[in-house]
Amino acid sequence: MRSFIKKQKAWLAELLPYMKAARRCGRSLKVQNNRTKTIKKNDILLFVTMKNEVHRLEYFFEYYRGLGVNHFFVVDNGSDDGTSEFLAAQQDVTSFYTEGGYKDSNFGMHWLNYLLFKYGCGHWCFTCDPDEFFIYPHMEHRSLRDLTSHLESINQDSFFTVMLDMYSDKPVAESYYQAGTDPLDTCPYFDGSGYSKQYNTNHRNLFVQGGVRRRIFAKEEPGHAPALNKVPLVKWKWNYVYISSMHMMLPRRLNRCIDERMLTGALLHFKFIGQLDNKVRQEMVAKQHYNDSAEYKQYGAVIEKKDVLYNENVSVKYSGWQDLARRGLINLGGW
């Protein structure tokens, strides 16, 4: 009993700082459009932070509504591109506005944790960025609710994904995305191989690296390539928290994915579109991203040199979840 009590105290001591930070940062959120009264008990919710991404939003909402998301919670971090007006017209969106520091909010996660605590408990909650699109096995004829029902049937309340960076066969600045269109039309390629997986014993998660951001942007220091593992879909409880973007969570069991028999998915990540050039310029002034915006400095250098991310030996065109399964990037898990 004493051992159990000691473990519980240690667990709470680890969790409480994140909960307190979420409450503190949450106070900066000003509600813009509150449509929470329309949320039903079993609705699937999506939580996202964004700034000046209005060009992405039409297709983003269309895509996730098509999967089965019922309501969206959006944190608008000081957009001035028409995002506020777009969100106000969406009847299934509750939006908040803040000009608080993105870095000070643990890169948006304190804001989202606050909203997840307040609105997400008891719901399946999807947490992602506006340039990420969820892929899972059998999605052409099984909805997101079919997936969550299956997860509930096997007592699994979190879902692991690998993030795949998408790109075109042109220089990034010339890969211009047209609002409202499928981003696959602009960036259909990803690295089909070259990924590494390492089990993190501390957080019990699988640390995944690779793809174009290791091949191109971190080629001098591949060990410093960004993490590609994420846990975006969770049946939320009051004592759950994201601690590093969507890469890691507490309690640690939510990060589990080491069992190859588990059902897993992917996030197609469309960062490398032509509009990235302007975002890089803004970030060089704001310096609100991780590690003094080191990644954005690398993006800027590649854009300036007009390098092409496509490589005929590695790049493959996305053709569906089946190909990702054949490549071992997602698991069917017997579903």
C-alpha atoms as a PDB file:
ATOM      1  CA  MET A   1       0.000   0.000   0.000  1.00  0.00           C
ATOM      2  CA  ARG A   2       2.784   2.429   0.903  1.00  0.00           C
ATOM      3  CA  SER A   3       4.468   1.713  -2.427  1.00  0.00           C
ATOM      4  CA  PHE A   4       1.203   2.423  -4.281  1.00  0.00           C
ATOM      5  CA  ILE A   5       0.674   5.712  -2.418  1.00  0.00           C
ATOM      6  CA  LYS A   6       4.260   6.745  -3.145  1.00  0.00           C
ATOM      7  CA  LYS A   7       3.794   6.076  -6.862  1.00  0.00           C
ATOM      8  CA  GLN A   8       0.535   8.046  -6.900  1.00  0.00           C
ATOM      9  CA  LYS A   9       2.195  11.037  -5.251  1.00  0.00           C
ATOM     10  CA  ALA A  10       5.070  10.920  -7.721  1.00  0.00           C
ATOM     11  CA  TRP A  11       2.645  10.722 -10.631  1.00  0.00           C
ATOM     12  CA  LEU A  12       0.621  13.702  -9.392  1.00  0.00           C
ATOM     13  CA  ALA A  13       3.791  15.712  -8.784  1.00  0.00           C
ATOM     14  CA  GLU A  14       4.742  15.163 -12.430  1.00  0.00           C
ATOM     15  CA  LEU A  15       1.274  15.950 -13.765  1.00  0.00           C
ATOM     16  CA  LEU A  16       0.416  19.059 -11.717  1.00  0.00           C
ATOM     17  CA  PRO A  17       2.911  21.502 -13.300  1.00  0.00           C
ATOM     18  CA  TYR A  18       1.382  20.879 -16.734  1.00  0.00           C
ATOM     19  CA  MET A  19      -2.147  21.276 -15.386  1.00  0.00           C
ATOM     20  CA  LYS A  20      -1.229  24.533 -13.635  1.00  0.00           C
ATOM     21  CA  ALA A  21       0.496  25.865 -16.754  1.00  0.00           C
ATOM     22  CA  ALA A  22      -2.585  25.002 -18.817  1.00  0.00           C
ATOM     23  CA  ARG A  23      -4.842  26.934 -16.436  1.00  0.00           C
ATOM     24  CA  ARG A  24      -2.476  29.898 -16.391  1.00  0.00           C
ATOM     25  CA  CYS A  25      -2.193  30.092 -20.182  1.00  0.00           C
ATOM     26  CA  GLY A  26      -5.870  29.321 -20.629  1.00  0.00           C
ATOM     27  CA  ARG A  27      -6.752  32.600 -18.950  1.00  0.00           C
ATOM     28  CA  SER A  28      -5.404  34.463 -21.992  1.00  0.00           C
ATOM     29  CA  LEU A  29      -7.969  32.827 -24.294  1.00  0.00           C
ATOM     30  CA  LYS A  30     -10.890  35.071 -25.220  1.00  0.00           C
ATOM     31  CA  VAL A  31     -13.897  33.275 -26.637  1.00  0.00           C
ATOM     32  CA  GLN A  32     -14.870  34.540 -30.091  1.00  0.00           C
ATOM     33  CA  ASN A  33     -17.622  32.116 -31.072  1.00  0.00           C
ATOM     34  CA  ASN A  34     -19.108  29.793 -28.466  1.00  0.00           C
ATOM     35  CA  ARG A  35     -21.156  26.984 -29.936  1.00  0.00           C
ATOM     36  CA  THR A  36     -20.504  24.401 -27.222  1.00  0.00           C
ATOM     37  CA  LYS A  37     -24.230  24.056 -26.513  1.00  0.00           C
ATOM     38  CA  THR A  38     -24.539  22.090 -29.742  1.00  0.00           C
ATOM     39  CA  ILE A  39     -22.090  19.385 -28.561  1.00  0.00           C
ATOM     40  CA  LYS A  40     -23.676  16.013 -27.830  1.00  0.00           C
ATOM     41  CA  LYS A  41     -22.471  13.396 -25.361  1.00  0.00           C
ATOM     42  CA  ASN A  42     -20.773  11.098 -27.871  1.00  0.00           C
ATOM     43  CA  ASP A  43     -19.504  13.720 -30.299  1.00  0.00           C
ATOM     44  CA  ILE A  44     -15.941  13.477 -31.601  1.00  0.00           C
ATOM     45  CA  LEU A  45     -14.068  16.749 -31.021  1.00  0.00           C
ATOM     46  CA  LEU A  46     -11.030  18.277 -32.727  1.00  0.00           C
ATOM     47  CA  PHE A  47      -8.619  20.792 -31.119  1.00  0.00           C
ATOM     48  CA  VAL A  48      -6.200  22.950 -33.126  1.00  0.00           C
ATOM     49  CA  THR A  49      -4.021  26.060 -32.743  1.00  0.00           C
ATOM     50  CA  MET A  50      -3.256  28.257 -35.741  1.00  0.00           C
ATOM     51  CA  LYS A  51      -1.995  31.602 -36.954  1.00  0.00           C
ATOM     52  CA  ASN A  52      -2.589  33.006 -40.435  1.00  0.00           C
ATOM     53  CA  GLU A  53      -3.656  29.704 -41.986  1.00  0.00           C
ATOM     54  CA  VAL A  54      -6.893  30.813 -43.647  1.00  0.00           C
ATOM     55  CA  HIS A  55      -5.732  29.374 -46.980  1.00  0.00           C
ATOM     56  CA  ARG A  56      -5.793  25.900 -45.417  1.00  0.00           C
ATOM     57  CA  LEU A  57      -9.077  26.053 -43.537  1.00  0.00           C
ATOM     58  CA  GLU A  58     -11.734  25.303 -46.153  1.00  0.00           C
ATOM     59  CA  TYR A  59     -10.266  21.922 -47.042  1.00  0.00           C
ATOM     60  CA  PHE A  60      -9.151  21.193 -43.459  1.00  0.00           C
ATOM     61  CA  PHE A  61     -12.691  21.426 -42.096  1.00  0.00           C
ATOM     62  CA  GLU A  62     -14.142  19.605 -45.097  1.00  0.00           C
ATOM     63  CA  TYR A  63     -11.687  16.746 -44.614  1.00  0.00           C
ATOM     64  CA  TYR A  64     -12.260  16.210 -40.909  1.00  0.00           C
ATOM     65  CA  ARG A  65     -16.013  16.618 -41.143  1.00  0.00           C
ATOM     66  CA  GLY A  66     -15.883  13.900 -43.776  1.00  0.00           C
ATOM     67  CA  LEU A  67     -14.027  11.615 -41.381  1.00  0.00           C
ATOM     68  CA  GLY A  68     -16.628  12.133 -38.665  1.00  0.00           C
ATOM     69  CA  VAL A  69     -15.512  15.034 -36.445  1.00  0.00           C
ATOM     70  CA  ASN A  70     -18.591  16.721 -34.960  1.00  0.00           C
ATOM     71  CA  HIS A  71     -17.175  19.866 -33.359  1.00  0.00           C
ATOM     72  CA  PHE A  72     -13.976  21.911 -33.605  1.00  0.00           C
ATOM     73  CA  PHE A  73     -12.151  23.969 -30.972  1.00  0.00           C
ATOM     74  CA  VAL A  74      -9.790  26.515 -32.528  1.00  0.00           C
ATOM     75  CA  VAL A  75      -7.216  28.756 -30.842  1.00  0.00           C
ATOM     76  CA  ASP A  76      -6.452  31.691 -33.133  1.00  0.00           C
ATOM     77  CA  ASN A  77      -3.048  33.038 -32.065  1.00  0.00           C
ATOM     78  CA  GLY A  78      -3.273  36.571 -33.442  1.00  0.00           C
ATOM     79  CA  SER A  79      -4.197  35.946 -37.086  1.00  0.00           C
ATOM     80  CA  ASP A  80      -4.738  38.942 -39.354  1.00  0.00           C
ATOM     81  CA  ASP A  81      -5.493  37.139 -42.622  1.00  0.00           C
ATOM     82  CA  GLY A  82      -9.263  36.644 -42.339  1.00  0.00           C
ATOM     83  CA  THR A  83      -9.118  33.574 -40.091  1.00  0.00           C
ATOM     84  CA  SER A  84     -11.474  35.145 -37.533  1.00  0.00           C
ATOM     85  CA  GLU A  85     -14.132  35.898 -40.149  1.00  0.00           C
ATOM     86  CA  PHE A  86     -13.858  32.405 -41.629  1.00  0.00           C
ATOM     87  CA  LEU A  87     -14.248  30.728 -38.228  1.00  0.00           C
ATOM     88  CA  ALA A  88     -17.249  32.889 -37.328  1.00  0.00           C
ATOM     89  CA  ALA A  89     -19.133  31.447 -40.302  1.00  0.00           C
ATOM     90  CA  GLN A  90     -18.614  27.819 -39.215  1.00  0.00           C
ATOM     91  CA  GLN A  91     -21.545  26.552 -37.158  1.00  0.00           C
ATOM     92  CA  ASP A  92     -19.611  23.606 -35.694  1.00  0.00           C
ATOM     93  CA  VAL A  93     -16.640  25.687 -34.490  1.00  0.00           C
ATOM     94  CA  THR A  94     -15.982  27.193 -31.067  1.00  0.00           C
ATOM     95  CA  SER A  95     -13.091  29.612 -31.460  1.00  0.00           C
ATOM     96  CA  PHE A  96     -10.819  31.485 -29.067  1.00  0.00           C
ATOM     97  CA  TYR A  97      -8.424  34.354 -29.681  1.00  0.00           C
ATOM     98  CA  THR A  98      -5.146  35.162 -27.981  1.00  0.00           C
ATOM     99  CA  GLU A  99      -2.089  37.244 -28.713  1.00  0.00           C
ATOM    100  CA  GLY A 100      -0.149  35.374 -26.031  1.00  0.00           C
ATOM    101  CA  GLY A 101       3.305  34.039 -26.852  1.00  0.00           C
ATOM    102  CA  TYR A 102       3.295  30.749 -28.738  1.00  0.00           C
ATOM    103  CA  LYS A 103       6.608  29.769 -27.147  1.00  0.00           C
ATOM    104  CA  ASP A 104       5.375  30.689 -23.656  1.00  0.00           C
ATOM    105  CA  SER A 105       2.366  28.398 -24.130  1.00  0.00           C
ATOM    106  CA  ASN A 106       4.653  25.397 -24.734  1.00  0.00           C
ATOM    107  CA  PHE A 107       4.128  25.920 -28.474  1.00  0.00           C
ATOM    108  CA  GLY A 108       0.365  25.982 -28.131  1.00  0.00           C
ATOM    109  CA  MET A 109       0.001  22.864 -25.991  1.00  0.00           C
ATOM    110  CA  HIS A 110      -0.890  24.671 -22.744  1.00  0.00           C
ATOM    111  CA  TRP A 111      -3.795  26.331 -24.554  1.00  0.00           C
ATOM    112  CA  LEU A 112      -5.003  23.068 -26.019  1.00  0.00           C
ATOM    113  CA  ASN A 113      -4.551  21.152 -22.757  1.00  0.00           C
ATOM    114  CA  TYR A 114      -6.704  23.785 -21.063  1.00  0.00           C
ATOM    115  CA  LEU A 115      -9.486  23.327 -23.617  1.00  0.00           C
ATOM    116  CA  LEU A 116      -9.166  19.547 -23.513  1.00  0.00           C
ATOM    117  CA  PHE A 117      -9.522  19.633 -19.703  1.00  0.00           C
ATOM    118  CA  LYS A 118     -12.527  21.940 -19.926  1.00  0.00           C
ATOM    119  CA  TYR A 119     -14.439  20.454 -22.873  1.00  0.00           C
ATOM    120  CA  GLY A 120     -12.888  17.156 -23.864  1.00  0.00           C
ATOM    121  CA  CYS A 121     -13.452  14.856 -20.897  1.00  0.00           C
ATOM    122  CA  GLY A 122     -15.465  11.802 -21.883  1.00  0.00           C
ATOM    123  CA  HIS A 123     -15.075  12.498 -25.612  1.00  0.00           C
ATOM    124  CA  TRP A 124     -12.780  11.083 -28.240  1.00  0.00           C
ATOM    125  CA  CYS A 125     -10.599  14.088 -29.002  1.00  0.00           C
ATOM    126  CA  PHE A 126      -8.442  14.668 -32.043  1.00  0.00           C
ATOM    127  CA  THR A 127      -5.566  17.148 -31.605  1.00  0.00           C
ATOM    128  CA  CYS A 128      -3.566  18.225 -34.640  1.00  0.00           C
ATOM    129  CA  ASP A 129      -2.144  21.132 -36.638  1.00  0.00           C
ATOM    130  CA  PRO A 130      -3.976  22.689 -39.603  1.00  0.00           C
ATOM    131  CA  ASP A 131      -1.454  21.202 -42.040  1.00  0.00           C
ATOM    132  CA  GLU A 132      -1.930  17.598 -40.824  1.00  0.00           C
ATOM    133  CA  PHE A 133      -4.375  15.069 -42.274  1.00  0.00           C
ATOM    134  CA  PHE A 134      -5.230  11.810 -40.536  1.00  0.00           C
ATOM    135  CA  ILE A 135      -4.878   8.489 -42.353  1.00  0.00           C
ATOM    136  CA  TYR A 136      -5.927   5.110 -40.954  1.00  0.00           C
ATOM    137  CA  PRO A 137      -6.647   1.608 -42.301  1.00  0.00           C
ATOM    138  CA  HIS A 138      -9.932   1.044 -44.162  1.00  0.00           C
ATOM    139  CA  MET A 139     -10.786   4.749 -44.013  1.00  0.00           C
ATOM    140  CA  GLU A 140     -12.493   4.618 -47.413  1.00  0.00           C
ATOM    141  CA  HIS A 141     -15.429   2.728 -45.885  1.00  0.00           C
ATOM    142  CA  ARG A 142     -14.962   3.011 -42.101  1.00  0.00           C
ATOM    143  CA  SER A 143     -15.600   6.325 -40.346  1.00  0.00           C
ATOM    144  CA  LEU A 144     -13.709   7.857 -37.462  1.00  0.00           C
ATOM    145  CA  ARG A 145     -16.534   6.666 -35.224  1.00  0.00           C
ATOM    146  CA  ASP A 146     -16.020   3.117 -36.495  1.00  0.00           C
ATOM    147  CA  LEU A 147     -12.381   3.464 -35.490  1.00  0.00           C
ATOM    148  CA  THR A 148     -13.115   4.819 -32.009  1.00  0.00           C
ATOM    149  CA  SER A 149     -15.737   2.123 -31.429  1.00  0.00           C
ATOM    150  CA  HIS A 150     -13.141  -0.511 -32.284  1.00  0.00           C
ATOM    151  CA  LEU A 151     -10.600   1.091 -29.942  1.00  0.00           C
ATOM    152  CA  GLU A 152     -13.155   1.093 -27.135  1.00  0.00           C
ATOM    153  CA  SER A 153     -13.916  -2.578 -27.764  1.00  0.00           C
ATOM    154  CA  ILE A 154     -10.257  -3.469 -27.107  1.00  0.00           C
ATOM    155  CA  ASN A 155      -9.868  -1.003 -24.193  1.00  0.00           C
ATOM    156  CA  GLN A 156      -7.426   1.212 -26.080  1.00  0.00           C
ATOM    157  CA  ASP A 157      -7.959   4.910 -25.363  1.00  0.00           C
ATOM    158  CA  SER A 158      -5.158   6.405 -27.470  1.00  0.00           C
ATOM    159  CA  PHE A 159      -4.047   6.007 -31.076  1.00  0.00           C
ATOM    160  CA  PHE A 160      -0.474   6.258 -32.368  1.00  0.00           C
ATOM    161  CA  THR A 161       0.520   7.766 -35.718  1.00  0.00           C
ATOM    162  CA  VAL A 162       3.687   8.467 -37.675  1.00  0.00           C
ATOM    163  CA  MET A 163       3.900  11.889 -39.323  1.00  0.00           C
ATOM    164  CA  LEU A 164       4.880  11.833 -43.007  1.00  0.00           C
ATOM    165  CA  ASP A 165       6.200  15.047 -44.542  1.00  0.00           C
ATOM    166  CA  MET A 166       4.736  15.625 -47.990  1.00  0.00           C
ATOM    167  CA  TYR A 167       6.370  17.653 -50.761  1.00  0.00           C
ATOM    168  CA  SER A 168       6.357  18.270 -54.516  1.00  0.00           C
ATOM    169  CA  ASP A 169       8.917  17.760 -57.267  1.00  0.00           C
ATOM    170  CA  LYS A 170       9.417  21.535 -57.541  1.00  0.00           C
ATOM    171  CA  PRO A 171      11.244  24.027 -55.310  1.00  0.00           C
ATOM    172  CA  VAL A 172       9.184  24.783 -52.198  1.00  0.00           C
ATOM    173  CA  ALA A 173       8.457  28.398 -53.173  1.00  0.00           C
ATOM    174  CA  GLU A 174       7.037  27.174 -56.504  1.00  0.00           C
ATOM    175  CA  SER A 175       4.777  24.571 -54.846  1.00  0.00           C
ATOM    176  CA  TYR A 176       1.993  27.073 -54.297  1.00  0.00           C
ATOM    177  CA  TYR A 177      -1.160  25.726 -52.657  1.00  0.00           C
ATOM    178  CA  GLN A 178      -4.534  26.956 -53.893  1.00  0.00           C
ATOM    179  CA  ALA A 179      -7.061  27.418 -51.082  1.00  0.00           C
ATOM    180  CA  GLY A 180      -9.869  24.878 -50.986  1.00  0.00           C
ATOM    181  CA  THR A 181      -8.027  22.183 -52.938  1.00  0.00           C
ATOM    182  CA  ASP A 182      -6.660  18.838 -51.779  1.00  0.00           C
ATOM    183  CA  PRO A 183      -3.041  19.477 -50.671  1.00  0.00           C
ATOM    184  CA  LEU A 184      -2.090  16.154 -52.264  1.00  0.00           C
ATOM    185  CA  ASP A 185      -2.596  17.879 -55.615  1.00  0.00           C
ATOM    186  CA  THR A 186       0.279  20.199 -54.686  1.00  0.00           C
ATOM    187  CA  CYS A 187       2.516  17.899 -52.622  1.00  0.00           C
ATOM    188  CA  PRO A 188       1.935  14.239 -53.524  1.00  0.00           C
ATOM    189  CA  TYR A 189       5.331  12.783 -52.529  1.00  0.00           C
ATOM    190  CA  PHE A 190       6.891  11.482 -49.300  1.00  0.00           C
ATOM    191  CA  ASP A 191      10.030   9.553 -48.376  1.00  0.00           C
ATOM    192  CA  GLY A 192       9.096   5.906 -48.759  1.00  0.00           C
ATOM    193  CA  SER A 193      12.047   4.657 -46.705  1.00  0.00           C
ATOM    194  CA  GLY A 194      14.762   5.865 -44.367  1.00  0.00           C
ATOM    195  CA  TYR A 195      12.896   5.915 -41.048  1.00  0.00           C
ATOM    196  CA  SER A 196      14.274   4.852 -37.679  1.00  0.00           C
ATOM    197  CA  LYS A 197      12.424   3.817 -34.533  1.00  0.00           C
ATOM    198  CA  GLN A 198      13.817   3.889 -31.024  1.00  0.00           C
ATOM    199  CA  TYR A 199      11.955   2.949 -27.871  1.00  0.00           C
ATOM    200  CA  ASN A 200      11.972   5.694 -25.242  1.00  0.00           C
ATOM    201  CA  THR A 201      11.941   3.892 -21.895  1.00  0.00           C
ATOM    202  CA  ASN A 202      11.251   7.074 -19.936  1.00  0.00           C
ATOM    203  CA  HIS A 203       7.998   7.966 -21.670  1.00  0.00           C
ATOM    204  CA  ARG A 204       7.259   4.474 -23.048  1.00  0.00           C
ATOM    205  CA  ASN A 205       6.844   5.750 -26.570  1.00  0.00           C
ATOM    206  CA  LEU A 206       8.378   5.022 -29.932  1.00  0.00           C
ATOM    207  CA  PHE A 207      10.690   7.840 -31.048  1.00  0.00           C
ATOM    208  CA  VAL A 208      10.479   7.981 -34.848  1.00  0.00           C
ATOM    209  CA  GLN A 209      12.798  10.017 -37.068  1.00  0.00           C
ATOM    210  CA  GLY A 210      13.403  10.222 -40.784  1.00  0.00           C
ATOM    211  CA  GLY A 211      11.696  11.497 -43.879  1.00  0.00           C
ATOM    212  CA  VAL A 212      12.684  14.599 -45.779  1.00  0.00           C
ATOM    213  CA  ARG A 213      13.390  16.627 -42.653  1.00  0.00           C
ATOM    214  CA  ARG A 214      16.192  14.283 -41.668  1.00  0.00           C
ATOM    215  CA  ARG A 215      17.359  13.637 -45.244  1.00  0.00           C
ATOM    216  CA  ILE A 216      17.547  17.320 -46.178  1.00  0.00           C
ATOM    217  CA  PHE A 217      17.159  19.644 -43.212  1.00  0.00           C
ATOM    218  CA  ALA A 218      19.043  17.640 -40.579  1.00  0.00           C
ATOM    219  CA  LYS A 219      21.560  15.862 -42.797  1.00  0.00           C
ATOM    220  CA  GLU A 220      24.500  17.420 -40.915  1.00  0.00           C
ATOM    221  CA  GLU A 221      23.091  16.274 -37.555  1.00  0.00           C
ATOM    222  CA  PRO A 222      20.619  13.453 -38.281  1.00  0.00           C
ATOM    223  CA  GLY A 223      20.286  12.640 -34.603  1.00  0.00           C
ATOM    224  CA  HIS A 224      18.677  16.047 -34.125  1.00  0.00           C
ATOM    225  CA  ALA A 225      15.966  15.463 -36.710  1.00  0.00           C
ATOM    226  CA  PRO A 226      12.471  16.195 -35.375  1.00  0.00           C
ATOM    227  CA  ALA A 227      10.235  13.531 -33.900  1.00  0.00           C
ATOM    228  CA  LEU A 228       7.654  12.048 -36.250  1.00  0.00           C
ATOM    229  CA  ASN A 229       5.698  10.104 -33.624  1.00  0.00           C
ATOM    230  CA  LYS A 230       2.370  11.551 -32.490  1.00  0.00           C
ATOM    231  CA  VAL A 231      -0.653  10.497 -30.429  1.00  0.00           C
ATOM    232  CA  PRO A 232      -3.408  12.677 -31.912  1.00  0.00           C
ATOM    233  CA  LEU A 233      -6.541  10.693 -31.001  1.00  0.00           C
ATOM    234  CA  VAL A 234      -7.409  10.121 -27.333  1.00  0.00           C
ATOM    235  CA  LYS A 235     -10.500   9.291 -25.253  1.00  0.00           C
ATOM    236  CA  TRP A 236      -9.912  12.199 -22.894  1.00  0.00           C
ATOM    237  CA  LYS A 237      -9.919  12.089 -19.087  1.00  0.00           C
ATOM    238  CA  TRP A 238      -9.240  14.813 -16.506  1.00  0.00           C
ATOM    239  CA  ASN A 239      -5.773  13.474 -15.702  1.00  0.00           C
ATOM    240  CA  TYR A 240      -4.461  13.324 -19.275  1.00  0.00           C
ATOM    241  CA  VAL A 241      -2.035  15.895 -20.635  1.00  0.00           C
ATOM    242  CA  TYR A 242       0.176  16.488 -23.658  1.00  0.00           C
ATOM    243  CA  ILE A 243       3.708  17.325 -22.556  1.00  0.00           C
ATOM    244  CA  SER A 244       5.553  17.809 -25.875  1.00  0.00           C
ATOM    245  CA  SER A 245       3.337  18.800 -28.783  1.00  0.00           C
ATOM    246  CA  MET A 246       1.338  15.670 -29.626  1.00  0.00           C
ATOM    247  CA  HIS A 247       4.519  13.585 -29.398  1.00  0.00           C
ATOM    248  CA  MET A 248       4.220  12.508 -25.761  1.00  0.00           C
ATOM    249  CA  MET A 249       1.569  12.307 -23.070  1.00  0.00           C
ATOM    250  CA  LEU A 250       0.991  11.587 -19.426  1.00  0.00           C
ATOM    251  CA  PRO A 251       0.072   9.029 -18.186  1.00  0.00           C
ATOM    252  CA  ARG A 252       2.810   7.179 -20.067  1.00  0.00           C
ATOM    253  CA  ARG A 253       0.606   4.244 -21.055  1.00  0.00           C
ATOM    254  CA  LEU A 254      -1.082   6.531 -23.607  1.00  0.00           C
ATOM    255  CA  ASN A 255       2.149   6.597 -25.615  1.00  0.00           C
ATOM    256  CA  ARG A 256       2.315   2.833 -26.043  1.00  0.00           C
ATOM    257  CA  CYS A 257       2.795   1.526 -29.540  1.00  0.00           C
ATOM    258  CA  ILE A 258       5.658  -0.932 -29.206  1.00  0.00           C
ATOM    259  CA  ASP A 259       3.361  -3.901 -29.858  1.00  0.00           C
ATOM    260  CA  GLU A 260       3.449  -4.446 -33.624  1.00  0.00           C
ATOM    261  CA  ARG A 261      -0.031  -5.958 -33.414  1.00  0.00           C
ATOM    262  CA  MET A 262      -1.526  -2.592 -32.455  1.00  0.00           C
ATOM    263  CA  LEU A 263      -3.590  -0.656 -34.955  1.00  0.00           C
ATOM    264  CA  THR A 264      -1.790   2.566 -35.961  1.00  0.00           C
ATOM    265  CA  GLY A 265      -2.150   5.337 -38.531  1.00  0.00           C
ATOM    266  CA  ALA A 266      -0.385   8.306 -40.093  1.00  0.00           C
ATOM    267  CA  LEU A 267      -0.563  12.074 -40.372  1.00  0.00           C
ATOM    268  CA  LEU A 268       0.182  13.480 -43.807  1.00  0.00           C
ATOM    269  CA  HIS A 269       2.009  16.741 -43.087  1.00  0.00           C
ATOM    270  CA  PHE A 270       1.824  19.501 -45.698  1.00  0.00           C
ATOM    271  CA  LYS A 271       4.261  22.110 -44.414  1.00  0.00           C
ATOM    272  CA  PHE A 272       6.281  22.430 -47.620  1.00  0.00           C
ATOM    273  CA  ILE A 273       3.961  24.528 -49.742  1.00  0.00           C
ATOM    274  CA  GLY A 274       4.786  27.849 -51.398  1.00  0.00           C
ATOM    275  CA  GLN A 275       3.211  29.862 -48.588  1.00  0.00           C
ATOM    276  CA  LEU A 276       5.930  28.553 -46.236  1.00  0.00           C
ATOM    277  CA  ASP A 277       8.308  31.205 -47.581  1.00  0.00           C
ATOM    278  CA  ASN A 278       6.236  33.988 -46.015  1.00  0.00           C
ATOM    279  CA  LYS A 279       5.839  32.071 -42.752  1.00  0.00           C
ATOM    280  CA  VAL A 280       9.599  31.631 -42.509  1.00  0.00           C
ATOM    281  CA  ARG A 281      10.123  35.381 -42.953  1.00  0.00           C
ATOM    282  CA  GLN A 282       7.601  36.109 -40.207  1.00  0.00           C
ATOM    283  CA  GLU A 283       9.158  33.543 -37.867  1.00  0.00           C
ATOM    284  CA  MET A 284      12.648  34.983 -38.286  1.00  0.00           C
ATOM    285  CA  VAL A 285      11.259  38.129 -36.640  1.00  0.00           C
ATOM    286  CA  ALA A 286       8.900  36.514 -34.093  1.00  0.00           C
ATOM    287  CA  LYS A 287      11.198  33.640 -33.022  1.00  0.00           C
ATOM    288  CA  GLN A 288       8.331  31.715 -31.421  1.00  0.00           C
ATOM    289  CA  HIS A 289       9.219  28.153 -32.444  1.00  0.00           C
ATOM    290  CA  TYR A 290      11.301  25.457 -30.807  1.00  0.00           C
ATOM    291  CA  ASN A 291      15.086  25.777 -30.365  1.00  0.00           C
ATOM    292  CA  ASP A 292      15.249  29.431 -31.386  1.00  0.00           C
ATOM    293  CA  SER A 293      13.349  28.548 -34.576  1.00  0.00           C
ATOM    294  CA  ALA A 294      16.265  26.415 -35.817  1.00  0.00           C
ATOM    295  CA  GLU A 295      14.004  24.386 -38.137  1.00  0.00           C
ATOM    296  CA  TYR A 296      12.636  27.522 -39.754  1.00  0.00           C
ATOM    297  CA  LYS A 297      16.158  28.777 -40.396  1.00  0.00           C
ATOM    298  CA  GLN A 298      16.845  25.499 -42.224  1.00  0.00           C
ATOM    299  CA  TYR A 299      13.619  25.873 -44.223  1.00  0.00           C
ATOM    300  CA  GLY A 300      14.626  29.412 -45.178  1.00  0.00           C
ATOM    301  CA  ALA A 301      18.039  28.288 -46.425  1.00  0.00           C
ATOM    302  CA  VAL A 302      16.538  25.554 -48.627  1.00  0.00           C
ATOM    303  CA  ILE A 303      13.893  27.911 -50.000  1.00  0.00           C
ATOM    304  CA  GLU A 304      16.510  30.577 -50.779  1.00  0.00           C
ATOM    305  CA  LYS A 305      18.663  28.077 -52.680  1.00  0.00           C
ATOM    306  CA  LYS A 306      15.571  26.760 -54.519  1.00  0.00           C
ATOM    307  CA  ASP A 307      16.486  23.204 -53.573  1.00  0.00           C
ATOM    308  CA  VAL A 308      14.109  20.449 -54.609  1.00  0.00           C
ATOM    309  CA  LEU A 309      13.050  18.020 -51.855  1.00  0.00           C
ATOM    310  CA  TYR A 310      12.136  15.277 -54.343  1.00  0.00           C
ATOM    311  CA  ASN A 311      14.682  12.494 -54.814  1.00  0.00           C
ATOM    312  CA  GLU A 312      14.022   9.786 -57.399  1.00  0.00           C
ATOM    313  CA  ASN A 313      15.684   7.129 -55.213  1.00  0.00           C
ATOM    314  CA  VAL A 314      13.569   7.811 -52.117  1.00  0.00           C
ATOM    315  CA  SER A 315      10.466   9.769 -53.058  1.00  0.00           C
ATOM    316  CA  VAL A 316       7.214   7.925 -53.723  1.00  0.00           C
ATOM    317  CA  LYS A 317       3.801   9.214 -54.642  1.00  0.00           C
ATOM    318  CA  TYR A 318       1.124   8.729 -52.013  1.00  0.00           C
ATOM    319  CA  SER A 319      -1.437   6.209 -53.215  1.00  0.00           C
ATOM    320  CA  GLY A 320      -3.376   5.340 -50.067  1.00  0.00           C
ATOM    321  CA  TRP A 321      -3.156   3.711 -46.649  1.00  0.00           C
ATOM    322  CA  GLN A 322      -2.541   0.313 -48.225  1.00  0.00           C
ATOM    323  CA  ASP A 323       0.879   1.402 -49.492  1.00  0.00           C
ATOM    324  CA  LEU A 324       1.767   2.809 -46.051  1.00  0.00           C
ATOM    325  CA  ALA A 325       0.882  -0.569 -44.536  1.00  0.00           C
ATOM    326  CA  ARG A 326       3.042  -2.433 -47.067  1.00  0.00           C
ATOM    327  CA  ARG A 327       5.958  -0.172 -46.161  1.00  0.00           C
ATOM    328  CA  GLY A 328       5.500  -0.835 -42.442  1.00  0.00           C
ATOM    329  CA  LEU A 329       4.611   2.782 -41.699  1.00  0.00           C
ATOM    330  CA  ILE A 330       1.190   1.898 -40.287  1.00  0.00           C
ATOM    331  CA  ASN A 331      -0.176  -1.307 -38.755  1.00  0.00           C
ATOM    332  CA  LEU A 332      -3.530  -2.992 -39.424  1.00  0.00           C
ATOM    333  CA  GLY A 333      -3.671  -4.540 -35.965  1.00  0.00           C
ATOM    334  CA  GLY A 334      -6.103  -7.244 -37.055  1.00  0.00           C
ATOM    335  CA  TRP A 335      -8.901  -4.686 -37.631  1.00  0.00           C
END
